[in-house]
């Protein structure tokens, strides 16, 4: 391959990855990276606390950003990875055992040609579109004793067709794109069936991301996020009809 063409292709791939990171984590929107890291850590902490309270003794697998395992990524990729996992582990404590932090495989087609994998520009979780179609099932097969999948990167676009979903595994999600589950009625049904056990969503009308965090994590969480569970999903939808 022509050397200039090779490095041009590498540059385009790196630009695509940075674009995905920005879309997933909104890292480069100013000088507030540290504040955003704090938000993420608080969000995952309270997600973990809910799971620890309601599912003590269960085993879990955490799905996280596969780009965070690769060298040469923007520094923020690694920072967000650490912040999310740090908060989650603090919330879970020793009550829910994390069998593994798993990193779904990226579609080979995307690595060869980003344009071959369409990504909805409105999604909050672009990684949903680029993880390999069988990656969730392969991870689940490796951890058959795990009942809960905690995803920090959303749901794969084909989640409804996976054996993992059909088998009735439970999912807890951070800032997911719930359109993968269908319309609002389908999403409510996923809560009612116990497949979705908890999600963290941005709270409508929350303070801007650049506002410094206060000292009370519980108050900061309540200002910025909603914890939606089977117990309160209808209440949340009544308060925020267009929540999802």
C-alpha atoms as a PDB file:
ATOM      1  CA  UNK A   1       0.000   0.000   0.000  1.00  0.00           C
ATOM      2  CA  UNK A   2       1.200   3.499  -0.771  1.00  0.00           C
ATOM      3  CA  UNK A   3       2.725   4.945   2.415  1.00  0.00           C
ATOM      4  CA  UNK A   4       0.798   8.217   2.179  1.00  0.00           C
ATOM      5  CA  UNK A   5      -2.432   6.337   1.585  1.00  0.00           C
ATOM      6  CA  UNK A   6      -1.736   4.097   4.590  1.00  0.00           C
ATOM      7  CA  UNK A   7      -1.151   6.982   6.986  1.00  0.00           C
ATOM      8  CA  UNK A   8      -4.124   8.811   5.563  1.00  0.00           C
ATOM      9  CA  UNK A   9      -6.316   5.795   6.364  1.00  0.00           C
ATOM     10  CA  UNK A  10      -4.887   5.605   9.887  1.00  0.00           C
ATOM     11  CA  UNK A  11      -5.595   9.290  10.433  1.00  0.00           C
ATOM     12  CA  UNK A  12      -9.190   8.892   9.277  1.00  0.00           C
ATOM     13  CA  UNK A  13      -9.712   5.942  11.614  1.00  0.00           C
ATOM     14  CA  UNK A  14      -8.303   7.863  14.572  1.00  0.00           C
ATOM     15  CA  UNK A  15     -10.536  10.813  13.733  1.00  0.00           C
ATOM     16  CA  UNK A  16     -13.526   8.481  13.635  1.00  0.00           C
ATOM     17  CA  UNK A  17     -12.637   7.047  17.027  1.00  0.00           C
ATOM     18  CA  UNK A  18     -12.258  10.521  18.553  1.00  0.00           C
ATOM     19  CA  UNK A  19     -15.642  11.421  17.077  1.00  0.00           C
ATOM     20  CA  UNK A  20     -17.206   8.383  18.717  1.00  0.00           C
ATOM     21  CA  UNK A  21     -15.618   9.227  22.029  1.00  0.00           C
ATOM     22  CA  UNK A  22     -16.959  12.766  21.824  1.00  0.00           C
ATOM     23  CA  UNK A  23     -20.451  11.533  20.959  1.00  0.00           C
ATOM     24  CA  UNK A  24     -20.418   8.938  23.745  1.00  0.00           C
ATOM     25  CA  UNK A  25     -18.927  10.993  26.534  1.00  0.00           C
ATOM     26  CA  UNK A  26     -19.069  14.667  25.423  1.00  0.00           C
ATOM     27  CA  UNK A  27     -15.485  15.094  26.518  1.00  0.00           C
ATOM     28  CA  UNK A  28     -14.280  18.057  24.578  1.00  0.00           C
ATOM     29  CA  UNK A  29     -17.033  20.592  25.126  1.00  0.00           C
ATOM     30  CA  UNK A  30     -14.896  23.139  26.929  1.00  0.00           C
ATOM     31  CA  UNK A  31     -12.780  23.211  30.041  1.00  0.00           C
ATOM     32  CA  UNK A  32     -15.041  21.092  32.207  1.00  0.00           C
ATOM     33  CA  UNK A  33     -13.628  17.611  31.750  1.00  0.00           C
ATOM     34  CA  UNK A  34     -12.960  17.102  35.458  1.00  0.00           C
ATOM     35  CA  UNK A  35     -16.519  18.109  36.332  1.00  0.00           C
ATOM     36  CA  UNK A  36     -17.909  15.644  33.791  1.00  0.00           C
ATOM     37  CA  UNK A  37     -15.717  12.926  35.253  1.00  0.00           C
ATOM     38  CA  UNK A  38     -17.225  13.649  38.662  1.00  0.00           C
ATOM     39  CA  UNK A  39     -20.730  13.424  37.208  1.00  0.00           C
ATOM     40  CA  UNK A  40     -19.987  10.028  35.713  1.00  0.00           C
ATOM     41  CA  UNK A  41     -18.532   8.698  38.934  1.00  0.00           C
ATOM     42  CA  UNK A  42     -21.548   9.851  40.937  1.00  0.00           C
ATOM     43  CA  UNK A  43     -23.952   8.327  38.397  1.00  0.00           C
ATOM     44  CA  UNK A  44     -22.311   4.909  38.453  1.00  0.00           C
ATOM     45  CA  UNK A  45     -21.988   4.988  42.240  1.00  0.00           C
ATOM     46  CA  UNK A  46     -25.729   5.351  42.716  1.00  0.00           C
ATOM     47  CA  UNK A  47     -26.416   2.735  40.069  1.00  0.00           C
ATOM     48  CA  UNK A  48     -24.169   0.376  42.024  1.00  0.00           C
ATOM     49  CA  UNK A  49     -25.830   1.230  45.315  1.00  0.00           C
ATOM     50  CA  UNK A  50     -29.246   0.373  43.898  1.00  0.00           C
ATOM     51  CA  UNK A  51     -27.997  -2.987  42.666  1.00  0.00           C
ATOM     52  CA  UNK A  52     -26.303  -3.727  45.970  1.00  0.00           C
ATOM     53  CA  UNK A  53     -29.527  -2.996  47.853  1.00  0.00           C
ATOM     54  CA  UNK A  54     -31.879  -4.946  45.585  1.00  0.00           C
ATOM     55  CA  UNK A  55     -29.676  -7.770  44.273  1.00  0.00           C
ATOM     56  CA  UNK A  56     -27.297  -8.750  47.081  1.00  0.00           C
ATOM     57  CA  UNK A  57     -25.270 -11.867  46.425  1.00  0.00           C
ATOM     58  CA  UNK A  58     -25.760 -11.749  42.652  1.00  0.00           C
ATOM     59  CA  UNK A  59     -22.959 -11.931  40.110  1.00  0.00           C
ATOM     60  CA  UNK A  60     -22.484  -9.274  37.470  1.00  0.00           C
ATOM     61  CA  UNK A  61     -20.499  -8.558  34.324  1.00  0.00           C
ATOM     62  CA  UNK A  62     -19.688  -4.955  33.456  1.00  0.00           C
ATOM     63  CA  UNK A  63     -19.644  -3.955  29.777  1.00  0.00           C
ATOM     64  CA  UNK A  64     -17.257  -1.093  29.161  1.00  0.00           C
ATOM     65  CA  UNK A  65     -15.527   0.883  26.416  1.00  0.00           C
ATOM     66  CA  UNK A  66     -13.259  -1.358  24.284  1.00  0.00           C
ATOM     67  CA  UNK A  67     -11.250   1.641  23.107  1.00  0.00           C
ATOM     68  CA  UNK A  68     -10.062   2.156  26.683  1.00  0.00           C
ATOM     69  CA  UNK A  69      -7.975  -1.025  26.360  1.00  0.00           C
ATOM     70  CA  UNK A  70      -6.092   0.275  23.330  1.00  0.00           C
ATOM     71  CA  UNK A  71      -3.010   2.489  23.458  1.00  0.00           C
ATOM     72  CA  UNK A  72      -2.921   5.861  21.802  1.00  0.00           C
ATOM     73  CA  UNK A  73      -6.456   6.980  22.613  1.00  0.00           C
ATOM     74  CA  UNK A  74      -7.290  10.476  23.893  1.00  0.00           C
ATOM     75  CA  UNK A  75      -6.466  10.740  27.592  1.00  0.00           C
ATOM     76  CA  UNK A  76     -10.126  11.339  28.408  1.00  0.00           C
ATOM     77  CA  UNK A  77     -11.028   7.837  27.234  1.00  0.00           C
ATOM     78  CA  UNK A  78      -8.958   6.321  30.034  1.00  0.00           C
ATOM     79  CA  UNK A  79     -10.130   8.885  32.571  1.00  0.00           C
ATOM     80  CA  UNK A  80     -13.788   8.185  31.876  1.00  0.00           C
ATOM     81  CA  UNK A  81     -13.172   4.457  32.066  1.00  0.00           C
ATOM     82  CA  UNK A  82     -11.579   4.775  35.488  1.00  0.00           C
ATOM     83  CA  UNK A  83     -14.219   7.200  36.790  1.00  0.00           C
ATOM     84  CA  UNK A  84     -17.132   5.008  35.732  1.00  0.00           C
ATOM     85  CA  UNK A  85     -15.656   1.826  37.165  1.00  0.00           C
ATOM     86  CA  UNK A  86     -14.502   3.549  40.345  1.00  0.00           C
ATOM     87  CA  UNK A  87     -17.983   4.873  41.088  1.00  0.00           C
ATOM     88  CA  UNK A  88     -19.661   1.573  40.245  1.00  0.00           C
ATOM     89  CA  UNK A  89     -17.352  -0.454  42.476  1.00  0.00           C
ATOM     90  CA  UNK A  90     -17.870   1.997  45.321  1.00  0.00           C
ATOM     91  CA  UNK A  91     -21.614   1.557  45.011  1.00  0.00           C
ATOM     92  CA  UNK A  92     -21.540  -2.221  44.672  1.00  0.00           C
ATOM     93  CA  UNK A  93     -19.077  -2.724  47.500  1.00  0.00           C
ATOM     94  CA  UNK A  94     -18.763  -6.425  48.278  1.00  0.00           C
ATOM     95  CA  UNK A  95     -22.489  -7.039  47.925  1.00  0.00           C
ATOM     96  CA  UNK A  96     -22.603  -7.732  44.173  1.00  0.00           C
ATOM     97  CA  UNK A  97     -19.620  -9.620  42.772  1.00  0.00           C
ATOM     98  CA  UNK A  98     -18.216  -8.355  39.478  1.00  0.00           C
ATOM     99  CA  UNK A  99     -17.013 -11.418  37.594  1.00  0.00           C
ATOM    100  CA  UNK A 100     -15.322  -9.371  34.890  1.00  0.00           C
ATOM    101  CA  UNK A 101     -15.137  -5.983  33.264  1.00  0.00           C
ATOM    102  CA  UNK A 102     -15.693  -7.055  29.656  1.00  0.00           C
ATOM    103  CA  UNK A 103     -14.928  -5.108  26.511  1.00  0.00           C
ATOM    104  CA  UNK A 104     -17.121  -6.088  23.551  1.00  0.00           C
ATOM    105  CA  UNK A 105     -15.334  -6.664  20.280  1.00  0.00           C
ATOM    106  CA  UNK A 106     -15.610  -3.956  17.635  1.00  0.00           C
ATOM    107  CA  UNK A 107     -16.996  -4.935  14.244  1.00  0.00           C
ATOM    108  CA  UNK A 108     -14.144  -5.681  11.874  1.00  0.00           C
ATOM    109  CA  UNK A 109     -16.007  -3.836   9.119  1.00  0.00           C
ATOM    110  CA  UNK A 110     -15.869  -0.626  11.149  1.00  0.00           C
ATOM    111  CA  UNK A 111     -12.143  -0.921  11.687  1.00  0.00           C
ATOM    112  CA  UNK A 112     -11.657  -1.372   7.954  1.00  0.00           C
ATOM    113  CA  UNK A 113     -14.108   1.278   6.798  1.00  0.00           C
ATOM    114  CA  UNK A 114     -16.126   3.402   9.201  1.00  0.00           C
ATOM    115  CA  UNK A 115     -18.603   4.270   6.440  1.00  0.00           C
ATOM    116  CA  UNK A 116     -19.640   0.638   6.197  1.00  0.00           C
ATOM    117  CA  UNK A 117     -21.329   0.824   9.633  1.00  0.00           C
ATOM    118  CA  UNK A 118     -24.080   3.492   9.744  1.00  0.00           C
ATOM    119  CA  UNK A 119     -24.390   5.216  13.114  1.00  0.00           C
ATOM    120  CA  UNK A 120     -27.473   7.215  14.043  1.00  0.00           C
ATOM    121  CA  UNK A 121     -26.279  10.757  14.708  1.00  0.00           C
ATOM    122  CA  UNK A 122     -28.942  11.161  17.414  1.00  0.00           C
ATOM    123  CA  UNK A 123     -27.755   8.245  19.529  1.00  0.00           C
ATOM    124  CA  UNK A 124     -26.228   8.774  22.959  1.00  0.00           C
ATOM    125  CA  UNK A 125     -24.302   5.496  22.659  1.00  0.00           C
ATOM    126  CA  UNK A 126     -22.571   5.160  19.280  1.00  0.00           C
ATOM    127  CA  UNK A 127     -20.760   2.077  20.525  1.00  0.00           C
ATOM    128  CA  UNK A 128     -24.150   0.342  20.310  1.00  0.00           C
ATOM    129  CA  UNK A 129     -23.739   0.384  16.535  1.00  0.00           C
ATOM    130  CA  UNK A 130     -20.149  -0.738  16.234  1.00  0.00           C
ATOM    131  CA  UNK A 131     -19.814  -3.641  18.677  1.00  0.00           C
ATOM    132  CA  UNK A 132     -19.849  -7.017  16.951  1.00  0.00           C
ATOM    133  CA  UNK A 133     -23.307  -8.552  16.684  1.00  0.00           C
ATOM    134  CA  UNK A 134     -22.347 -11.656  18.661  1.00  0.00           C
ATOM    135  CA  UNK A 135     -20.167  -9.915  21.237  1.00  0.00           C
ATOM    136  CA  UNK A 136     -22.799  -9.815  23.991  1.00  0.00           C
ATOM    137  CA  UNK A 137     -23.671 -13.484  23.594  1.00  0.00           C
ATOM    138  CA  UNK A 138     -20.017 -14.510  23.614  1.00  0.00           C
ATOM    139  CA  UNK A 139     -19.389 -12.578  26.814  1.00  0.00           C
ATOM    140  CA  UNK A 140     -22.507 -14.102  28.388  1.00  0.00           C
ATOM    141  CA  UNK A 141     -21.394 -17.608  27.437  1.00  0.00           C
ATOM    142  CA  UNK A 142     -18.089 -17.037  29.180  1.00  0.00           C
ATOM    143  CA  UNK A 143     -19.895 -15.971  32.361  1.00  0.00           C
ATOM    144  CA  UNK A 144     -22.942 -18.190  32.514  1.00  0.00           C
ATOM    145  CA  UNK A 145     -23.340 -17.668  36.270  1.00  0.00           C
ATOM    146  CA  UNK A 146     -23.689 -13.907  35.933  1.00  0.00           C
ATOM    147  CA  UNK A 147     -27.302 -12.749  36.199  1.00  0.00           C
ATOM    148  CA  UNK A 148     -26.748  -9.019  35.780  1.00  0.00           C
ATOM    149  CA  UNK A 149     -25.092  -7.122  32.943  1.00  0.00           C
ATOM    150  CA  UNK A 150     -24.134  -3.582  33.862  1.00  0.00           C
ATOM    151  CA  UNK A 151     -23.455  -1.654  30.677  1.00  0.00           C
ATOM    152  CA  UNK A 152     -21.616   1.651  30.710  1.00  0.00           C
ATOM    153  CA  UNK A 153     -21.809   1.827  26.895  1.00  0.00           C
ATOM    154  CA  UNK A 154     -25.480   1.193  26.163  1.00  0.00           C
ATOM    155  CA  UNK A 155     -27.167  -1.769  24.514  1.00  0.00           C
ATOM    156  CA  UNK A 156     -26.075  -3.329  21.237  1.00  0.00           C
ATOM    157  CA  UNK A 157     -28.405  -2.386  18.420  1.00  0.00           C
ATOM    158  CA  UNK A 158     -29.445  -6.019  17.976  1.00  0.00           C
ATOM    159  CA  UNK A 159     -29.997  -6.701  21.682  1.00  0.00           C
ATOM    160  CA  UNK A 160     -33.545  -8.025  21.192  1.00  0.00           C
ATOM    161  CA  UNK A 161     -32.226 -10.740  18.892  1.00  0.00           C
ATOM    162  CA  UNK A 162     -29.467 -11.909  21.240  1.00  0.00           C
ATOM    163  CA  UNK A 163     -29.697 -15.154  23.185  1.00  0.00           C
ATOM    164  CA  UNK A 164     -28.636 -13.204  26.270  1.00  0.00           C
ATOM    165  CA  UNK A 165     -31.746 -11.036  26.112  1.00  0.00           C
ATOM    166  CA  UNK A 166     -34.025 -13.973  25.304  1.00  0.00           C
ATOM    167  CA  UNK A 167     -32.594 -15.930  28.230  1.00  0.00           C
ATOM    168  CA  UNK A 168     -33.911 -13.341  30.650  1.00  0.00           C
ATOM    169  CA  UNK A 169     -30.670 -11.864  31.906  1.00  0.00           C
ATOM    170  CA  UNK A 170     -31.012  -8.601  33.806  1.00  0.00           C
ATOM    171  CA  UNK A 171     -29.577  -5.304  32.565  1.00  0.00           C
ATOM    172  CA  UNK A 172     -28.564  -2.140  34.402  1.00  0.00           C
ATOM    173  CA  UNK A 173     -27.596   0.744  32.136  1.00  0.00           C
ATOM    174  CA  UNK A 174     -25.815   4.067  32.273  1.00  0.00           C
ATOM    175  CA  UNK A 175     -27.277   6.786  30.002  1.00  0.00           C
ATOM    176  CA  UNK A 176     -28.549   4.309  27.400  1.00  0.00           C
ATOM    177  CA  UNK A 177     -30.190   4.831  24.031  1.00  0.00           C
ATOM    178  CA  UNK A 178     -33.413   2.964  24.788  1.00  0.00           C
ATOM    179  CA  UNK A 179     -34.604   3.077  21.195  1.00  0.00           C
ATOM    180  CA  UNK A 180     -32.821  -0.266  20.830  1.00  0.00           C
ATOM    181  CA  UNK A 181     -35.814  -1.703  22.717  1.00  0.00           C
ATOM    182  CA  UNK A 182     -38.509  -0.119  20.553  1.00  0.00           C
ATOM    183  CA  UNK A 183     -41.230   2.338  21.541  1.00  0.00           C
ATOM    184  CA  UNK A 184     -42.227   3.506  25.002  1.00  0.00           C
ATOM    185  CA  UNK A 185     -44.574   0.557  25.524  1.00  0.00           C
ATOM    186  CA  UNK A 186     -41.769  -1.886  24.695  1.00  0.00           C
ATOM    187  CA  UNK A 187     -39.425  -0.122  27.084  1.00  0.00           C
ATOM    188  CA  UNK A 188     -41.993  -0.260  29.898  1.00  0.00           C
ATOM    189  CA  UNK A 189     -42.503  -3.955  29.167  1.00  0.00           C
ATOM    190  CA  UNK A 190     -38.752  -4.528  29.532  1.00  0.00           C
ATOM    191  CA  UNK A 191     -38.906  -2.990  33.007  1.00  0.00           C
ATOM    192  CA  UNK A 192     -42.034  -4.922  33.963  1.00  0.00           C
ATOM    193  CA  UNK A 193     -40.539  -8.231  32.829  1.00  0.00           C
ATOM    194  CA  UNK A 194     -37.452  -7.655  34.947  1.00  0.00           C
ATOM    195  CA  UNK A 195     -35.032  -7.559  32.033  1.00  0.00           C
ATOM    196  CA  UNK A 196     -34.225  -3.901  32.652  1.00  0.00           C
ATOM    197  CA  UNK A 197     -33.707  -3.491  36.373  1.00  0.00           C
ATOM    198  CA  UNK A 198     -32.181  -0.013  36.565  1.00  0.00           C
ATOM    199  CA  UNK A 199     -31.076   2.801  34.304  1.00  0.00           C
ATOM    200  CA  UNK A 200     -29.487   6.162  34.929  1.00  0.00           C
ATOM    201  CA  UNK A 201     -30.767   8.982  32.712  1.00  0.00           C
ATOM    202  CA  UNK A 202     -29.962  12.663  32.559  1.00  0.00           C
ATOM    203  CA  UNK A 203     -32.635  14.578  34.453  1.00  0.00           C
ATOM    204  CA  UNK A 204     -34.593  17.052  32.335  1.00  0.00           C
ATOM    205  CA  UNK A 205     -33.791  20.587  33.441  1.00  0.00           C
ATOM    206  CA  UNK A 206     -30.608  19.577  35.251  1.00  0.00           C
ATOM    207  CA  UNK A 207     -27.875  22.149  35.909  1.00  0.00           C
ATOM    208  CA  UNK A 208     -25.357  22.627  33.120  1.00  0.00           C
ATOM    209  CA  UNK A 209     -22.384  20.286  33.042  1.00  0.00           C
ATOM    210  CA  UNK A 210     -19.984  23.121  33.747  1.00  0.00           C
ATOM    211  CA  UNK A 211     -21.511  23.891  37.139  1.00  0.00           C
ATOM    212  CA  UNK A 212     -19.109  22.738  39.864  1.00  0.00           C
ATOM    213  CA  UNK A 213     -20.117  19.755  41.941  1.00  0.00           C
ATOM    214  CA  UNK A 214     -21.151  20.301  45.527  1.00  0.00           C
ATOM    215  CA  UNK A 215     -19.988  18.289  48.493  1.00  0.00           C
ATOM    216  CA  UNK A 216     -23.129  16.192  48.889  1.00  0.00           C
ATOM    217  CA  UNK A 217     -23.067  13.365  46.295  1.00  0.00           C
ATOM    218  CA  UNK A 218     -26.682  12.399  46.961  1.00  0.00           C
ATOM    219  CA  UNK A 219     -27.901  15.942  46.345  1.00  0.00           C
ATOM    220  CA  UNK A 220     -25.759  16.263  43.209  1.00  0.00           C
ATOM    221  CA  UNK A 221     -27.159  12.997  41.883  1.00  0.00           C
ATOM    222  CA  UNK A 222     -30.749  14.044  42.532  1.00  0.00           C
ATOM    223  CA  UNK A 223     -30.159  17.360  40.748  1.00  0.00           C
ATOM    224  CA  UNK A 224     -28.607  15.829  37.646  1.00  0.00           C
ATOM    225  CA  UNK A 225     -29.851  12.286  37.161  1.00  0.00           C
ATOM    226  CA  UNK A 226     -32.844   9.997  37.361  1.00  0.00           C
ATOM    227  CA  UNK A 227     -32.604   6.418  38.562  1.00  0.00           C
ATOM    228  CA  UNK A 228     -35.400   4.602  36.738  1.00  0.00           C
ATOM    229  CA  UNK A 229     -36.377   1.158  38.024  1.00  0.00           C
ATOM    230  CA  UNK A 230     -39.311  -1.229  37.702  1.00  0.00           C
ATOM    231  CA  UNK A 231     -40.698   0.300  40.890  1.00  0.00           C
ATOM    232  CA  UNK A 232     -40.775   3.895  39.666  1.00  0.00           C
ATOM    233  CA  UNK A 233     -40.838   3.748  35.857  1.00  0.00           C
ATOM    234  CA  UNK A 234     -44.502   4.773  35.628  1.00  0.00           C
ATOM    235  CA  UNK A 235     -43.968   7.582  38.119  1.00  0.00           C
ATOM    236  CA  UNK A 236     -40.999   8.873  36.092  1.00  0.00           C
ATOM    237  CA  UNK A 237     -43.001   8.755  32.870  1.00  0.00           C
ATOM    238  CA  UNK A 238     -45.849  10.622  34.519  1.00  0.00           C
ATOM    239  CA  UNK A 239     -43.458  13.360  35.608  1.00  0.00           C
ATOM    240  CA  UNK A 240     -41.522  13.359  32.325  1.00  0.00           C
ATOM    241  CA  UNK A 241     -43.789  11.961  29.554  1.00  0.00           C
ATOM    242  CA  UNK A 242     -41.062  12.266  26.925  1.00  0.00           C
ATOM    243  CA  UNK A 243     -38.317  10.753  29.040  1.00  0.00           C
ATOM    244  CA  UNK A 244     -37.945   7.944  26.506  1.00  0.00           C
END
